[in-house]
Amino acid sequence: EAAVAGALGIKLGGTNYYFGRPENKPILGEG
């Protein structure tokens, strides 16, 4: 994920919801 984020110049990660609960994933890349 980090390698793809860097290649495309985007940010990956952030808040996702699983089974109704939010889960904050680390931000990868510089956006």
All heavy atoms as atom14 arrays in JSON, in Angstrom:
{
  "sequence": "EAAVAGALGIKLGGTNYYFGRPENKPILGEG",
  "atom14_mask": [
    [1, 1, 1, 1, 1, 1, 1, 1, 1, 0, 0, 0, 0, 0],
    [1, 1, 1, 1, 1, 0, 0, 0, 0, 0, 0, 0, 0, 0],
    [1, 1, 1, 1, 1, 0, 0, 0, 0, 0, 0, 0, 0, 0],
    [1, 1, 1, 1, 1, 1, 1, 0, 0, 0, 0, 0, 0, 0],
    [1, 1, 1, 1, 1, 0, 0, 0, 0, 0, 0, 0, 0, 0],
    [1, 1, 1, 1, 0, 0, 0, 0, 0, 0, 0, 0, 0, 0],
    [1, 1, 1, 1, 1, 0, 0, 0, 0, 0, 0, 0, 0, 0],
    [1, 1, 1, 1, 1, 1, 1, 1, 0, 0, 0, 0, 0, 0],
    [1, 1, 1, 1, 0, 0, 0, 0, 0, 0, 0, 0, 0, 0],
    [1, 1, 1, 1, 1, 1, 1, 1, 0, 0, 0, 0, 0, 0],
    [1, 1, 1, 1, 1, 1, 1, 1, 1, 0, 0, 0, 0, 0],
    [1, 1, 1, 1, 1, 1, 1, 1, 0, 0, 0, 0, 0, 0],
    [1, 1, 1, 1, 0, 0, 0, 0, 0, 0, 0, 0, 0, 0],
    [1, 1, 1, 1, 0, 0, 0, 0, 0, 0, 0, 0, 0, 0],
    [1, 1, 1, 1, 1, 1, 1, 0, 0, 0, 0, 0, 0, 0],
    [1, 1, 1, 1, 1, 1, 1, 1, 0, 0, 0, 0, 0, 0],
    [1, 1, 1, 1, 1, 1, 1, 1, 1, 1, 1, 1, 0, 0],
    [1, 1, 1, 1, 1, 1, 1, 1, 1, 1, 1, 1, 0, 0],
    [1, 1, 1, 1, 1, 1, 1, 1, 1, 1, 1, 0, 0, 0],
    [1, 1, 1, 1, 0, 0, 0, 0, 0, 0, 0, 0, 0, 0],
    [1, 1, 1, 1, 1, 1, 1, 1, 1, 1, 1, 0, 0, 0],
    [1, 1, 1, 1, 1, 1, 1, 0, 0, 0, 0, 0, 0, 0],
    [1, 1, 1, 1, 1, 1, 1, 1, 1, 0, 0, 0, 0, 0],
    [1, 1, 1, 1, 1, 1, 1, 1, 0, 0, 0, 0, 0, 0],
    [1, 1, 1, 1, 1, 1, 1, 1, 1, 0, 0, 0, 0, 0],
    [1, 1, 1, 1, 1, 1, 1, 0, 0, 0, 0, 0, 0, 0],
    [1, 1, 1, 1, 1, 1, 1, 1, 0, 0, 0, 0, 0, 0],
    [1, 1, 1, 1, 1, 1, 1, 1, 0, 0, 0, 0, 0, 0],
    [1, 1, 1, 1, 0, 0, 0, 0, 0, 0, 0, 0, 0, 0],
    [1, 1, 1, 1, 1, 1, 1, 1, 1, 0, 0, 0, 0, 0],
    [1, 1, 1, 1, 0, 0, 0, 0, 0, 0, 0, 0, 0, 0]
  ],
  "atom14_positions": [
    [[0.82, -1.2, 0.0], [0.0, 0.0, 0.0], [0.86, 1.26, 0.0], [0.59, 2.22, -0.72], [-0.94, 0.01, 1.19], [-2.05, -1.04, 1.12], [-3.01, -0.92, 2.3], [-3.39, 0.2, 2.64], [-3.37, -1.97, 2.87], [0.0, 0.0, 0.0], [0.0, 0.0, 0.0], [0.0, 0.0, 0.0], [0.0, 0.0, 0.0], [0.0, 0.0, 0.0]],
    [[1.91, 1.27, 0.82], [2.79, 2.43, 0.9], [3.51, 2.65, -0.43], [3.65, 3.79, -0.9], [3.79, 2.26, 2.03], [0.0, 0.0, 0.0], [0.0, 0.0, 0.0], [0.0, 0.0, 0.0], [0.0, 0.0, 0.0], [0.0, 0.0, 0.0], [0.0, 0.0, 0.0], [0.0, 0.0, 0.0], [0.0, 0.0, 0.0], [0.0, 0.0, 0.0]],
    [[3.96, 1.56, -1.04], [4.67, 1.67, -2.32], [3.76, 2.22, -3.41], [4.16, 3.06, -4.22], [5.24, 0.31, -2.73], [0.0, 0.0, 0.0], [0.0, 0.0, 0.0], [0.0, 0.0, 0.0], [0.0, 0.0, 0.0], [0.0, 0.0, 0.0], [0.0, 0.0, 0.0], [0.0, 0.0, 0.0], [0.0, 0.0, 0.0], [0.0, 0.0, 0.0]],
    [[2.51, 1.75, -3.46], [1.55, 2.23, -4.47], [1.19, 3.69, -4.19], [1.11, 4.51, -5.11], [0.29, 1.35, -4.49], [-0.81, 2.0, -5.33], [0.62, -0.03, -5.04], [0.0, 0.0, 0.0], [0.0, 0.0, 0.0], [0.0, 0.0, 0.0], [0.0, 0.0, 0.0], [0.0, 0.0, 0.0], [0.0, 0.0, 0.0], [0.0, 0.0, 0.0]],
    [[0.99, 4.04, -2.92], [0.68, 5.42, -2.56], [1.79, 6.36, -3.0], [1.53, 7.43, -3.57], [0.46, 5.54, -1.06], [0.0, 0.0, 0.0], [0.0, 0.0, 0.0], [0.0, 0.0, 0.0], [0.0, 0.0, 0.0], [0.0, 0.0, 0.0], [0.0, 0.0, 0.0], [0.0, 0.0, 0.0], [0.0, 0.0, 0.0], [0.0, 0.0, 0.0]],
    [[3.04, 5.96, -2.78], [4.16, 6.79, -3.19], [4.27, 6.9, -4.7], [4.56, 7.98, -5.23], [0.0, 0.0, 0.0], [0.0, 0.0, 0.0], [0.0, 0.0, 0.0], [0.0, 0.0, 0.0], [0.0, 0.0, 0.0], [0.0, 0.0, 0.0], [0.0, 0.0, 0.0], [0.0, 0.0, 0.0], [0.0, 0.0, 0.0], [0.0, 0.0, 0.0]],
    [[4.02, 5.81, -5.4], [4.1, 5.81, -6.86], [3.08, 6.75, -7.49], [3.36, 7.41, -8.49], [3.92, 4.4, -7.39], [0.0, 0.0, 0.0], [0.0, 0.0, 0.0], [0.0, 0.0, 0.0], [0.0, 0.0, 0.0], [0.0, 0.0, 0.0], [0.0, 0.0, 0.0], [0.0, 0.0, 0.0], [0.0, 0.0, 0.0], [0.0, 0.0, 0.0]],
    [[1.88, 6.79, -6.91], [0.79, 7.6, -7.48], [0.68, 8.98, -6.86], [-0.14, 9.79, -7.31], [-0.54, 6.84, -7.32], [-0.6, 5.45, -7.96], [-1.97, 4.84, -7.78], [-0.24, 5.51, -9.44], [0.0, 0.0, 0.0], [0.0, 0.0, 0.0], [0.0, 0.0, 0.0], [0.0, 0.0, 0.0], [0.0, 0.0, 0.0], [0.0, 0.0, 0.0]],
    [[1.47, 9.26, -5.81], [1.43, 10.57, -5.17], [0.15, 10.83, -4.4], [-0.28, 11.98, -4.29], [0.0, 0.0, 0.0], [0.0, 0.0, 0.0], [0.0, 0.0, 0.0], [0.0, 0.0, 0.0], [0.0, 0.0, 0.0], [0.0, 0.0, 0.0], [0.0, 0.0, 0.0], [0.0, 0.0, 0.0], [0.0, 0.0, 0.0], [0.0, 0.0, 0.0]],
    [[-0.45, 9.77, -3.84], [-1.72, 9.91, -3.12], [-1.56, 9.43, -1.67], [-0.53, 8.88, -1.3], [-2.84, 9.09, -3.8], [-2.45, 7.6, -3.84], [-3.1, 9.64, -5.2], [-3.52, 6.69, -4.43], [0.0, 0.0, 0.0], [0.0, 0.0, 0.0], [0.0, 0.0, 0.0], [0.0, 0.0, 0.0], [0.0, 0.0, 0.0], [0.0, 0.0, 0.0]],
    [[-2.6, 9.66, -0.89], [-2.66, 9.14, 0.48], [-3.62, 7.98, 0.54], [-4.74, 8.06, 0.01], [-3.11, 10.23, 1.47], [-2.07, 11.24, 1.85], [-2.62, 12.21, 2.89], [-1.58, 13.25, 3.29], [-2.13, 14.19, 4.3], [0.0, 0.0, 0.0], [0.0, 0.0, 0.0], [0.0, 0.0, 0.0], [0.0, 0.0, 0.0], [0.0, 0.0, 0.0]],
    [[-3.2, 6.92, 1.21], [-4.08, 5.8, 1.49], [-4.24, 5.68, 3.0], [-3.44, 6.22, 3.76], [-3.52, 4.51, 0.91], [-3.37, 4.46, -0.61], [-2.74, 3.15, -1.06], [-4.71, 4.66, -1.3], [0.0, 0.0, 0.0], [0.0, 0.0, 0.0], [0.0, 0.0, 0.0], [0.0, 0.0, 0.0], [0.0, 0.0, 0.0], [0.0, 0.0, 0.0]],
    [[-5.25, 4.96, 3.44], [-5.54, 4.87, 4.87], [-6.59, 5.88, 5.28], [-7.12, 6.64, 4.47], [0.0, 0.0, 0.0], [0.0, 0.0, 0.0], [0.0, 0.0, 0.0], [0.0, 0.0, 0.0], [0.0, 0.0, 0.0], [0.0, 0.0, 0.0], [0.0, 0.0, 0.0], [0.0, 0.0, 0.0], [0.0, 0.0, 0.0], [0.0, 0.0, 0.0]],
    [[-6.9, 5.9, 6.56], [-7.95, 6.77, 7.08], [-9.0, 5.95, 7.81], [-8.77, 4.81, 8.19], [0.0, 0.0, 0.0], [0.0, 0.0, 0.0], [0.0, 0.0, 0.0], [0.0, 0.0, 0.0], [0.0, 0.0, 0.0], [0.0, 0.0, 0.0], [0.0, 0.0, 0.0], [0.0, 0.0, 0.0], [0.0, 0.0, 0.0], [0.0, 0.0, 0.0]],
    [[-10.18, 6.53, 7.97], [-11.24, 5.88, 8.75], [-12.05, 4.92, 7.89], [-12.57, 5.29, 6.84], [-12.18, 6.92, 9.37], [-11.43, 7.82, 10.19], [-13.24, 6.24, 10.22], [0.0, 0.0, 0.0], [0.0, 0.0, 0.0], [0.0, 0.0, 0.0], [0.0, 0.0, 0.0], [0.0, 0.0, 0.0], [0.0, 0.0, 0.0], [0.0, 0.0, 0.0]],
    [[-12.14, 3.68, 8.35], [-13.01, 2.68, 7.73], [-13.97, 2.15, 8.8], [-13.66, 2.21, 10.0], [-12.19, 1.5, 7.18], [-11.18, 1.93, 6.14], [-11.43, 2.84, 5.35], [-10.03, 1.28, 6.13], [0.0, 0.0, 0.0], [0.0, 0.0, 0.0], [0.0, 0.0, 0.0], [0.0, 0.0, 0.0], [0.0, 0.0, 0.0], [0.0, 0.0, 0.0]],
    [[-15.12, 1.64, 8.35], [-16.1, 1.09, 9.29], [-16.2, -0.42, 9.09], [-16.36, -0.91, 7.97], [-17.47, 1.74, 9.07], [-17.57, 3.13, 9.65], [-17.1, 4.22, 8.94], [-18.11, 3.35, 10.92], [-17.16, 5.51, 9.47], [-18.18, 4.63, 11.46], [-17.71, 5.69, 10.73], [-17.77, 6.96, 11.26], [0.0, 0.0, 0.0], [0.0, 0.0, 0.0]],
    [[-16.08, -1.14, 10.2], [-16.22, -2.59, 10.21], [-17.25, -2.99, 11.27], [-17.09, -2.62, 12.43], [-14.88, -3.27, 10.53], [-13.77, -2.93, 9.56], [-12.94, -1.84, 9.78], [-13.54, -3.71, 8.43], [-11.91, -1.54, 8.9], [-12.52, -3.42, 7.54], [-11.71, -2.33, 7.79], [-10.69, -2.03, 6.92], [0.0, 0.0, 0.0], [0.0, 0.0, 0.0]],
    [[-18.28, -3.7, 10.84], [-19.32, -4.17, 11.76], [-19.91, -3.01, 12.57], [-20.18, -3.14, 13.76], [-18.76, -5.24, 12.69], [-18.05, -6.36, 11.99], [-16.67, -6.47, 12.03], [-18.77, -7.29, 11.24], [-16.01, -7.5, 11.38], [-18.12, -8.33, 10.58], [-16.74, -8.42, 10.65], [0.0, 0.0, 0.0], [0.0, 0.0, 0.0], [0.0, 0.0, 0.0]],
    [[-20.05, -1.85, 11.92], [-20.66, -0.69, 12.56], [-19.73, 0.14, 13.41], [-20.15, 1.16, 13.97], [0.0, 0.0, 0.0], [0.0, 0.0, 0.0], [0.0, 0.0, 0.0], [0.0, 0.0, 0.0], [0.0, 0.0, 0.0], [0.0, 0.0, 0.0], [0.0, 0.0, 0.0], [0.0, 0.0, 0.0], [0.0, 0.0, 0.0], [0.0, 0.0, 0.0]],
    [[-18.46, -0.25, 13.49], [-17.51, 0.48, 14.33], [-16.42, 1.12, 13.48], [-15.89, 0.49, 12.56], [-16.86, -0.47, 15.35], [-17.85, -1.07, 16.34], [-17.13, -1.99, 17.32], [-18.04, -2.56, 18.31], [-17.67, -3.4, 19.27], [-16.39, -3.77, 19.37], [-18.57, -3.87, 20.11], [0.0, 0.0, 0.0], [0.0, 0.0, 0.0], [0.0, 0.0, 0.0]],
    [[-16.07, 2.38, 13.78], [-15.0, 3.04, 13.02], [-13.63, 2.51, 13.43], [-13.39, 2.19, 14.58], [-15.15, 4.52, 13.42], [-15.77, 4.48, 14.78], [-16.67, 3.28, 14.79], [0.0, 0.0, 0.0], [0.0, 0.0, 0.0], [0.0, 0.0, 0.0], [0.0, 0.0, 0.0], [0.0, 0.0, 0.0], [0.0, 0.0, 0.0], [0.0, 0.0, 0.0]],
    [[-12.75, 2.4, 12.45], [-11.38, 1.98, 12.7], [-10.45, 2.89, 11.9], [-10.57, 3.0, 10.69], [-11.18, 0.53, 12.29], [-9.79, -0.01, 12.62], [-9.66, -1.49, 12.33], [-10.64, -2.23, 12.57], [-8.58, -1.91, 11.87], [0.0, 0.0, 0.0], [0.0, 0.0, 0.0], [0.0, 0.0, 0.0], [0.0, 0.0, 0.0], [0.0, 0.0, 0.0]],
    [[-9.55, 3.56, 12.61], [-8.65, 4.51, 11.96], [-7.38, 3.82, 11.51], [-6.58, 3.36, 12.32], [-8.32, 5.66, 12.91], [-9.54, 6.5, 13.25], [-10.32, 6.85, 12.36], [-9.72, 6.82, 14.52], [0.0, 0.0, 0.0], [0.0, 0.0, 0.0], [0.0, 0.0, 0.0], [0.0, 0.0, 0.0], [0.0, 0.0, 0.0], [0.0, 0.0, 0.0]],
    [[-7.2, 3.75, 10.2], [-6.0, 3.16, 9.63], [-4.92, 4.24, 9.47], [-5.23, 5.4, 9.18], [-6.32, 2.56, 8.25], [-7.33, 1.43, 8.28], [-6.73, 0.16, 8.85], [-7.7, -1.01, 8.71], [-7.13, -2.27, 9.22], [0.0, 0.0, 0.0], [0.0, 0.0, 0.0], [0.0, 0.0, 0.0], [0.0, 0.0, 0.0], [0.0, 0.0, 0.0]],
    [[-3.66, 3.89, 9.66], [-2.58, 4.86, 9.49], [-2.56, 5.45, 8.08], [-2.91, 4.77, 7.11], [-1.31, 4.04, 9.76], [-1.78, 2.86, 10.53], [-3.16, 2.57, 10.06], [0.0, 0.0, 0.0], [0.0, 0.0, 0.0], [0.0, 0.0, 0.0], [0.0, 0.0, 0.0], [0.0, 0.0, 0.0], [0.0, 0.0, 0.0], [0.0, 0.0, 0.0]],
    [[-2.15, 6.7, 7.97], [-2.05, 7.35, 6.67], [-0.74, 6.94, 6.01], [0.34, 7.06, 6.59], [-2.11, 8.88, 6.82], [-3.46, 9.29, 7.44], [-1.92, 9.56, 5.46], [-4.67, 8.94, 6.61], [0.0, 0.0, 0.0], [0.0, 0.0, 0.0], [0.0, 0.0, 0.0], [0.0, 0.0, 0.0], [0.0, 0.0, 0.0], [0.0, 0.0, 0.0]],
    [[-0.84, 6.48, 4.78], [0.33, 6.09, 4.0], [0.46, 7.02, 2.8], [-0.52, 7.25, 2.09], [0.19, 4.65, 3.52], [-0.16, 3.59, 4.58], [-0.37, 2.24, 3.92], [0.92, 3.51, 5.65], [0.0, 0.0, 0.0], [0.0, 0.0, 0.0], [0.0, 0.0, 0.0], [0.0, 0.0, 0.0], [0.0, 0.0, 0.0], [0.0, 0.0, 0.0]],
    [[1.64, 7.55, 2.58], [1.84, 8.45, 1.45], [1.75, 9.91, 1.86], [1.49, 10.24, 3.01], [0.0, 0.0, 0.0], [0.0, 0.0, 0.0], [0.0, 0.0, 0.0], [0.0, 0.0, 0.0], [0.0, 0.0, 0.0], [0.0, 0.0, 0.0], [0.0, 0.0, 0.0], [0.0, 0.0, 0.0], [0.0, 0.0, 0.0], [0.0, 0.0, 0.0]],
    [[1.96, 10.79, 0.88], [2.03, 12.23, 1.15], [0.86, 13.01, 0.58], [0.66, 14.17, 0.93], [3.35, 12.79, 0.6], [4.56, 12.21, 1.32], [5.88, 12.66, 0.73], [5.9, 13.0, -0.48], [6.89, 12.66, 1.45], [0.0, 0.0, 0.0], [0.0, 0.0, 0.0], [0.0, 0.0, 0.0], [0.0, 0.0, 0.0], [0.0, 0.0, 0.0]],
    [[0.08, 12.42, -0.3], [-1.11, 13.09, -0.8], [-0.84, 14.32, -1.64], [-1.53, 15.33, -1.5], [0.0, 0.0, 0.0], [0.0, 0.0, 0.0], [0.0, 0.0, 0.0], [0.0, 0.0, 0.0], [0.0, 0.0, 0.0], [0.0, 0.0, 0.0], [0.0, 0.0, 0.0], [0.0, 0.0, 0.0], [0.0, 0.0, 0.0], [0.0, 0.0, 0.0]]
  ]
}
